[in-house]
Amino acid sequence: MSTVQLRQVGEEEGAQRLDRWLKRQFPQITQGLIEKACRKGDIRVDGARVKASTRVEAGQQVRVPPLPESMPELATPKSGISAADARMIQAAVLWKDQHIIALNKPAGLPSQGGSGQGNRHVDGLADALMFDYKERPVLVHRLDKDTSGVLLLARTPRVARRLAEAFRHRETRKIYWALVAGVPQPLKGTIRYGLLKAGARGNEKMRCIHPAEVDKVEGAKRATTDFAVLERLGGRAAWVALSPITGRTHQLRAHMAEMGHPIMGDGKYGGSAQENLGDGWGAGIGGEVSRKLHLHARSLRVEHPVTGAMLELTAPLPEHMAESWKLFGWDPRDVPADPFDGES
């Protein structure tokens, strides 16, 4: 337990409820603890008794009684989320404020539910990301199950609408990192093949359509991806940055496969390590490459829908990709954050 503290409300923290201010200062405390401490007079503002709903102003002094040091378990039997899953999804939080939560989505965790998945997907675990809000956050875009990286959730319906519009009108900059078989030529360019969905629901696969034929094929949609080779391992593999200008299903995976350089670990689009690099790939340089998909949503740049500030969110590589990068001697610090900077 901590000791009694006096905390001053900062210049940018005024005009908010006391309970919300306290939870941002001390994430481990619960609403029940705050209300009980207010009733007993243990929490005071400028020496006066207050309610949890009292609004604090910049410069005021808040008396805070001794508090527990550990985080409570946010998962409850009612939520249906296990304590382990709650800890997992909370640990994935990259950044949050009153309006947005940014996750580094783990590879293998679906964004939304499907047949036989129960609630073990980001949307199903959103109750564990409510923190001090009564409303559960909602997804504003998605990543494939096996793709890791930056994923945004909105904490209010208004913010969800504004972020959805930003994605819809392409007012974002998304950069993915991938390990691909071979080395694309040229080393930098744009892929404009259209995409046509084929296969049954749950087992969809995108077929690439030549740009000149897209408008002639029913159901085909135009798709555009910028790419840039960041590092090479001889002629056998490359670290590639990908920026999707459009947001079609499996767009990056299908486009790289169409170029003849499928993403490693992508069995659906011909990117298994054995098929492209041969048995025992990596053994000659001290290890083996994971067969998991090597596609990561590395960064996202978007204007904050409330403050107007530009958010620059970056997610560290998942463990299996970090191991591959270590194996090849590649360092994320050696490449530009945005190799497409200055391009339209």
Protein backbone atom coordinates (compact mmCIF):
# COMPACT_ATOMS: atom_id res chain seq x y z
CA MET A 1 0.00 0.00 0.00
CA SER A 2 1.17 3.54 -0.77
CA THR A 3 1.06 6.57 1.56
CA VAL A 4 -1.26 9.58 1.47
CA GLN A 5 -0.44 11.77 -1.53
CA LEU A 6 -1.31 15.27 -2.70
CA ARG A 7 -1.59 15.50 -6.49
CA GLN A 8 -2.12 18.70 -8.45
CA VAL A 9 -4.42 18.68 -11.46
CA GLY A 10 -2.39 19.64 -14.54
CA GLU A 11 -3.20 22.49 -16.89
CA GLU A 12 -4.53 20.12 -19.56
CA GLU A 13 -6.38 17.85 -17.11
CA GLY A 14 -9.12 20.19 -15.90
CA ALA A 15 -12.86 20.03 -16.53
CA GLN A 16 -13.11 16.27 -16.10
CA ARG A 17 -14.74 14.01 -13.54
CA LEU A 18 -12.69 13.23 -10.46
CA ASP A 19 -13.09 9.47 -10.89
CA ARG A 20 -11.76 9.58 -14.46
CA TRP A 21 -8.84 11.82 -13.43
CA LEU A 22 -7.95 9.41 -10.61
CA LYS A 23 -8.06 6.34 -12.86
CA ARG A 24 -5.66 7.96 -15.30
CA GLN A 25 -3.29 8.76 -12.44
CA PHE A 26 -3.70 5.37 -10.74
CA PRO A 27 -4.81 2.67 -13.25
CA GLN A 28 -4.95 0.01 -10.51
CA ILE A 29 -7.91 1.50 -8.62
CA THR A 30 -11.54 0.56 -9.18
CA GLN A 31 -14.69 2.66 -9.37
CA GLY A 32 -15.95 1.08 -6.18
CA LEU A 33 -12.80 2.02 -4.28
CA ILE A 34 -13.08 5.65 -5.44
CA GLU A 35 -16.73 5.98 -4.43
CA LYS A 36 -16.11 4.41 -1.03
CA ALA A 37 -13.12 6.69 -0.36
CA CYS A 38 -15.17 9.74 -1.36
CA ARG A 39 -18.02 8.74 1.02
CA LYS A 40 -15.54 8.34 3.89
CA GLY A 41 -13.86 11.65 3.09
CA ASP A 42 -10.50 9.98 2.34
CA ILE A 43 -10.40 11.61 -1.10
CA ARG A 44 -10.66 15.40 -0.99
CA VAL A 45 -10.17 18.29 -3.41
CA ASP A 46 -8.61 21.45 -1.95
CA GLY A 47 -9.49 20.03 1.46
CA ALA A 48 -13.20 19.67 0.73
CA ARG A 49 -15.27 16.48 0.61
CA VAL A 50 -16.29 15.50 -2.92
CA LYS A 51 -18.20 12.94 -4.93
CA ALA A 52 -16.73 10.67 -7.61
CA SER A 53 -18.60 12.74 -10.20
CA THR A 54 -17.19 16.09 -9.01
CA ARG A 55 -15.34 17.88 -11.80
CA VAL A 56 -11.77 18.90 -11.03
CA GLU A 57 -10.09 22.00 -12.41
CA ALA A 58 -6.48 22.80 -13.29
CA GLY A 59 -4.40 23.75 -10.25
CA GLN A 60 -6.59 22.02 -7.65
CA GLN A 61 -4.98 19.74 -5.06
CA VAL A 62 -6.36 16.22 -4.74
CA ARG A 63 -5.76 14.25 -1.55
CA VAL A 64 -5.29 10.57 -2.38
CA PRO A 65 -5.34 7.94 0.41
CA PRO A 66 -3.10 4.84 0.44
CA LEU A 67 -3.88 2.71 -2.61
CA PRO A 68 -3.28 -0.93 -3.60
CA GLU A 69 -0.22 -1.37 -5.80
CA SER A 70 -1.44 -4.18 -8.05
CA MET A 71 -3.84 -4.11 -10.99
CA PRO A 72 -7.21 -5.80 -10.42
CA GLU A 73 -8.27 -8.59 -12.71
CA LEU A 74 -10.51 -6.90 -15.27
CA ALA A 75 -12.00 -10.13 -16.56
CA THR A 76 -15.09 -11.35 -14.72
CA PRO A 77 -17.27 -14.44 -15.08
CA LYS A 78 -19.94 -12.18 -16.61
CA SER A 79 -17.59 -11.06 -19.39
CA GLY A 80 -16.67 -14.64 -20.31
CA ILE A 81 -13.02 -13.61 -20.71
CA SER A 82 -10.36 -15.60 -18.88
CA ALA A 83 -7.86 -13.77 -16.68
CA ALA A 84 -5.05 -14.95 -18.98
CA ASP A 85 -6.76 -13.54 -22.08
CA ALA A 86 -7.49 -10.28 -20.28
CA ARG A 87 -3.81 -9.91 -19.37
CA MET A 88 -2.80 -10.82 -22.91
CA ILE A 89 -4.98 -8.21 -24.62
CA GLN A 90 -4.13 -5.53 -22.05
CA ALA A 91 -0.42 -6.21 -22.56
CA ALA A 92 -0.96 -5.61 -26.29
CA VAL A 93 -1.95 -1.96 -25.71
CA LEU A 94 0.57 0.31 -27.44
CA TRP A 95 -1.07 3.62 -26.63
CA LYS A 96 -4.37 4.98 -25.35
CA ASP A 97 -6.13 8.19 -24.43
CA GLN A 98 -9.73 9.16 -23.73
CA HIS A 99 -10.74 8.49 -27.34
CA ILE A 100 -8.56 5.78 -28.92
CA ILE A 101 -6.82 2.54 -28.00
CA ALA A 102 -4.00 1.26 -30.22
CA LEU A 103 -2.99 -2.41 -29.99
CA ASN A 104 -0.05 -4.39 -31.26
CA LYS A 105 -2.29 -7.28 -32.31
CA PRO A 106 -0.60 -10.64 -31.75
CA ALA A 107 -0.16 -12.90 -34.76
CA GLY A 108 -2.75 -15.69 -34.70
CA LEU A 109 -5.44 -13.65 -32.93
CA PRO A 110 -8.39 -12.83 -35.22
CA SER A 111 -9.71 -9.28 -35.30
CA GLN A 112 -13.31 -10.51 -35.29
CA GLY A 113 -15.13 -13.74 -34.62
CA GLY A 114 -15.91 -16.59 -36.95
CA SER A 115 -17.18 -20.13 -36.83
CA GLY A 116 -15.88 -22.02 -33.80
CA GLN A 117 -13.74 -19.16 -32.46
CA GLY A 118 -15.88 -18.25 -29.43
CA ASN A 119 -14.90 -14.84 -28.08
CA ARG A 120 -11.14 -15.27 -28.46
CA HIS A 121 -10.66 -12.46 -30.94
CA VAL A 122 -9.98 -8.74 -30.50
CA ASP A 123 -13.62 -7.75 -30.72
CA GLY A 124 -14.61 -10.48 -28.26
CA LEU A 125 -11.95 -9.38 -25.78
CA ALA A 126 -12.91 -5.70 -25.93
CA ASP A 127 -14.59 -5.88 -22.50
CA ALA A 128 -11.09 -6.22 -21.02
CA LEU A 129 -10.12 -2.93 -22.71
CA MET A 130 -12.85 -0.75 -21.23
CA PHE A 131 -10.62 0.52 -18.39
CA ASP A 132 -12.49 3.52 -16.90
CA TYR A 133 -15.27 3.63 -19.53
CA LYS A 134 -18.73 2.09 -19.42
CA GLU A 135 -18.75 1.52 -23.19
CA ARG A 136 -16.65 -1.21 -24.76
CA PRO A 137 -14.24 0.00 -27.48
CA VAL A 138 -14.99 -0.94 -31.08
CA LEU A 139 -12.76 -1.89 -33.99
CA VAL A 140 -12.43 0.70 -36.76
CA HIS A 141 -10.41 -1.50 -39.14
CA ARG A 142 -9.13 -5.09 -39.26
CA LEU A 143 -6.00 -7.17 -39.74
CA ASP A 144 -5.88 -10.77 -41.00
CA LYS A 145 -5.68 -13.37 -38.23
CA ASP A 146 -2.00 -14.17 -38.87
CA THR A 147 -0.93 -10.56 -39.46
CA SER A 148 0.41 -8.77 -36.39
CA GLY A 149 0.75 -5.06 -35.69
CA VAL A 150 -1.04 -1.74 -35.18
CA LEU A 151 -4.79 -2.04 -34.78
CA LEU A 152 -7.09 0.80 -33.65
CA LEU A 153 -10.19 0.73 -31.48
CA ALA A 154 -12.42 3.72 -30.79
CA ARG A 155 -13.69 4.32 -27.26
CA THR A 156 -16.86 6.19 -28.27
CA PRO A 157 -19.27 5.94 -31.23
CA ARG A 158 -18.41 9.48 -32.38
CA VAL A 159 -14.70 8.70 -32.57
CA ALA A 160 -15.46 5.39 -34.31
CA ARG A 161 -17.36 7.23 -37.05
CA ARG A 162 -14.58 9.76 -37.57
CA LEU A 163 -11.84 7.15 -37.71
CA ALA A 164 -13.87 4.98 -40.08
CA GLU A 165 -14.20 7.98 -42.40
CA ALA A 166 -10.44 8.57 -42.27
CA PHE A 167 -9.78 4.97 -43.34
CA ARG A 168 -12.50 5.09 -45.97
CA HIS A 169 -11.16 8.28 -47.52
CA ARG A 170 -7.54 7.06 -47.32
CA GLU A 171 -6.50 9.78 -44.88
CA THR A 172 -4.08 7.41 -43.19
CA ARG A 173 -0.57 6.13 -43.89
CA LYS A 174 -0.16 2.41 -43.21
CA ILE A 175 3.21 0.71 -43.56
CA TYR A 176 3.67 -3.04 -43.29
CA TRP A 177 6.90 -5.00 -43.10
CA ALA A 178 7.21 -8.38 -44.77
CA LEU A 179 9.80 -11.06 -45.48
CA VAL A 180 9.36 -12.25 -49.06
CA ALA A 181 10.92 -14.97 -51.15
CA GLY A 182 13.42 -13.60 -53.67
CA VAL A 183 14.06 -9.92 -54.35
CA PRO A 184 11.45 -7.81 -56.17
CA GLN A 185 12.62 -5.93 -59.26
CA PRO A 186 12.56 -3.01 -59.47
CA LEU A 187 13.45 -2.41 -55.83
CA LYS A 188 10.70 0.18 -55.47
CA GLY A 189 7.42 0.63 -57.27
CA THR A 190 3.63 0.29 -57.31
CA ILE A 191 1.43 -2.76 -57.91
CA ARG A 192 -1.93 -2.04 -59.51
CA TYR A 193 -3.46 -5.48 -60.10
CA GLY A 194 -7.18 -5.68 -59.35
CA LEU A 195 -8.53 -8.34 -57.00
CA LEU A 196 -11.39 -10.79 -57.43
CA LYS A 197 -12.66 -12.81 -54.48
CA ALA A 198 -12.97 -16.55 -55.01
CA GLY A 199 -13.69 -19.50 -52.73
CA ALA A 200 -16.29 -20.20 -50.07
CA ARG A 201 -16.84 -17.97 -47.05
CA GLY A 202 -14.10 -18.58 -44.49
CA ASN A 203 -11.74 -19.87 -47.16
CA GLU A 204 -11.62 -16.89 -49.50
CA LYS A 205 -8.68 -16.34 -51.79
CA MET A 206 -8.07 -13.30 -53.96
CA ARG A 207 -7.24 -13.68 -57.63
CA CYS A 208 -5.23 -10.92 -59.29
CA ILE A 209 -6.67 -9.29 -62.42
CA HIS A 210 -4.53 -7.28 -64.85
CA PRO A 211 -5.20 -3.53 -64.44
CA ALA A 212 -6.42 -3.28 -68.04
CA GLU A 213 -9.03 -6.01 -67.43
CA VAL A 214 -10.39 -5.00 -64.02
CA ASP A 215 -13.38 -3.07 -65.31
CA LYS A 216 -14.33 -5.97 -67.58
CA VAL A 217 -14.46 -8.62 -64.84
CA GLU A 218 -17.60 -8.75 -62.72
CA GLY A 219 -16.80 -8.45 -59.03
CA ALA A 220 -13.19 -7.36 -59.53
CA LYS A 221 -12.02 -4.30 -57.59
CA ARG A 222 -9.09 -2.01 -58.24
CA ALA A 223 -6.24 -2.33 -55.73
CA THR A 224 -2.98 -0.41 -55.35
CA THR A 225 0.09 -1.19 -53.23
CA ASP A 226 3.38 0.72 -52.98
CA PHE A 227 6.44 -1.40 -52.18
CA ALA A 228 10.10 -0.78 -51.36
CA VAL A 229 12.91 -3.26 -50.70
CA LEU A 230 14.68 -2.32 -47.47
CA GLU A 231 17.27 -5.13 -47.18
CA ARG A 232 18.28 -8.20 -49.18
CA LEU A 233 19.70 -11.60 -48.30
CA GLY A 234 21.51 -12.27 -51.54
CA GLY A 235 18.88 -13.16 -54.09
CA ARG A 236 16.95 -15.49 -51.82
CA ALA A 237 14.86 -13.19 -49.63
CA ALA A 238 14.08 -9.55 -48.98
CA TRP A 239 12.73 -7.31 -46.27
CA VAL A 240 10.03 -5.27 -47.95
CA ALA A 241 7.96 -2.28 -46.83
CA LEU A 242 4.41 -2.27 -48.18
CA SER A 243 1.92 0.61 -48.14
CA PRO A 244 -1.63 -0.29 -49.19
CA ILE A 245 -3.29 2.63 -50.96
CA THR A 246 -6.55 0.68 -51.11
CA GLY A 247 -7.73 -1.74 -48.42
CA ARG A 248 -8.84 -4.98 -50.08
CA THR A 249 -8.98 -8.40 -48.45
CA HIS A 250 -5.57 -10.14 -48.58
CA GLN A 251 -4.32 -7.30 -50.80
CA LEU A 252 -0.65 -7.33 -49.76
CA ARG A 253 -0.42 -11.12 -49.76
CA ALA A 254 -2.02 -11.49 -53.19
CA HIS A 255 -0.03 -8.64 -54.75
CA MET A 256 3.34 -9.98 -53.57
CA ALA A 257 2.45 -13.46 -54.78
CA GLU A 258 1.48 -12.04 -58.19
CA MET A 259 4.94 -10.44 -58.40
CA GLY A 260 6.48 -13.85 -57.83
CA HIS A 261 7.65 -12.94 -54.32
CA PRO A 262 5.13 -14.42 -51.86
CA ILE A 263 5.33 -13.52 -48.20
CA MET A 264 7.11 -16.15 -46.14
CA GLY A 265 4.78 -18.40 -44.17
CA ASP A 266 1.80 -17.61 -46.40
CA GLY A 267 0.74 -21.07 -47.50
CA LYS A 268 -2.48 -19.79 -49.08
CA TYR A 269 -0.55 -17.65 -51.56
CA GLY A 270 2.46 -19.90 -52.08
CA GLY A 271 4.72 -18.50 -49.39
CA SER A 272 5.73 -21.55 -47.36
CA ALA A 273 9.44 -21.62 -46.57
CA GLN A 274 9.95 -25.06 -48.08
CA GLU A 275 8.30 -24.20 -51.39
CA ASN A 276 10.31 -21.06 -51.94
CA LEU A 277 13.63 -21.54 -50.20
CA GLY A 278 14.08 -25.27 -49.96
CA ASP A 279 14.35 -27.68 -47.04
CA GLY A 280 16.57 -26.55 -44.20
CA TRP A 281 16.39 -22.89 -45.20
CA GLY A 282 18.41 -20.82 -42.77
CA ALA A 283 20.52 -23.71 -41.50
CA GLY A 284 23.58 -22.37 -43.28
CA ILE A 285 23.39 -19.08 -41.38
CA GLY A 286 22.74 -20.46 -37.94
CA GLY A 287 19.03 -21.20 -37.67
CA GLU A 288 15.66 -21.94 -39.19
CA VAL A 289 13.01 -19.47 -40.36
CA SER A 290 9.63 -19.76 -38.65
CA ARG A 291 6.80 -21.02 -40.83
CA LYS A 292 4.46 -18.38 -39.40
CA LEU A 293 3.31 -15.55 -41.66
CA HIS A 294 5.97 -12.83 -41.88
CA LEU A 295 3.64 -9.84 -42.32
CA HIS A 296 3.46 -7.07 -39.73
CA ALA A 297 1.52 -3.80 -39.63
CA ARG A 298 4.55 -1.80 -38.54
CA SER A 299 3.17 1.74 -38.37
CA LEU A 300 0.07 3.85 -38.75
CA ARG A 301 -0.15 7.60 -39.17
CA VAL A 302 -3.56 9.20 -38.71
CA GLU A 303 -4.94 12.53 -37.59
CA HIS A 304 -6.47 12.34 -34.13
CA PRO A 305 -10.24 12.72 -34.66
CA VAL A 306 -10.66 14.95 -31.58
CA THR A 307 -7.41 16.86 -30.96
CA GLY A 308 -6.31 17.14 -34.59
CA ALA A 309 -2.77 16.08 -33.64
CA MET A 310 -0.98 13.67 -35.95
CA LEU A 311 -0.63 10.25 -34.33
CA GLU A 312 2.45 8.20 -35.26
CA LEU A 313 1.94 4.67 -33.94
CA THR A 314 4.65 2.01 -34.28
CA ALA A 315 4.49 -1.65 -33.26
CA PRO A 316 7.59 -3.76 -32.51
CA LEU A 317 8.01 -6.96 -34.51
CA PRO A 318 6.37 -10.14 -33.22
CA GLU A 319 8.71 -12.73 -31.76
CA HIS A 320 8.89 -14.99 -34.84
CA MET A 321 9.76 -12.08 -37.16
CA ALA A 322 12.22 -10.60 -34.67
CA GLU A 323 14.00 -13.98 -34.63
CA SER A 324 14.19 -14.01 -38.43
CA TRP A 325 15.53 -10.45 -38.50
CA LYS A 326 18.15 -11.42 -35.91
CA LEU A 327 19.08 -14.47 -37.98
CA PHE A 328 19.65 -12.32 -41.07
CA GLY A 329 21.44 -9.53 -39.19
CA TRP A 330 18.74 -6.95 -39.99
CA ASP A 331 18.13 -4.07 -37.60
CA PRO A 332 14.90 -1.99 -37.69
CA ARG A 333 16.96 1.05 -36.68
CA ASP A 334 18.86 0.91 -39.97
CA VAL A 335 15.91 1.66 -42.26
CA PRO A 336 13.71 4.75 -42.71
CA ALA A 337 10.44 4.80 -40.77
CA ASP A 338 8.64 5.73 -44.00
CA PRO A 339 10.50 4.82 -47.19
CA PHE A 340 7.65 6.35 -49.18
CA ASP A 341 7.85 9.75 -47.49
CA GLY A 342 7.19 12.56 -49.94
CA GLU A 343 5.39 10.34 -52.42
CA SER A 344 1.72 10.73 -53.24
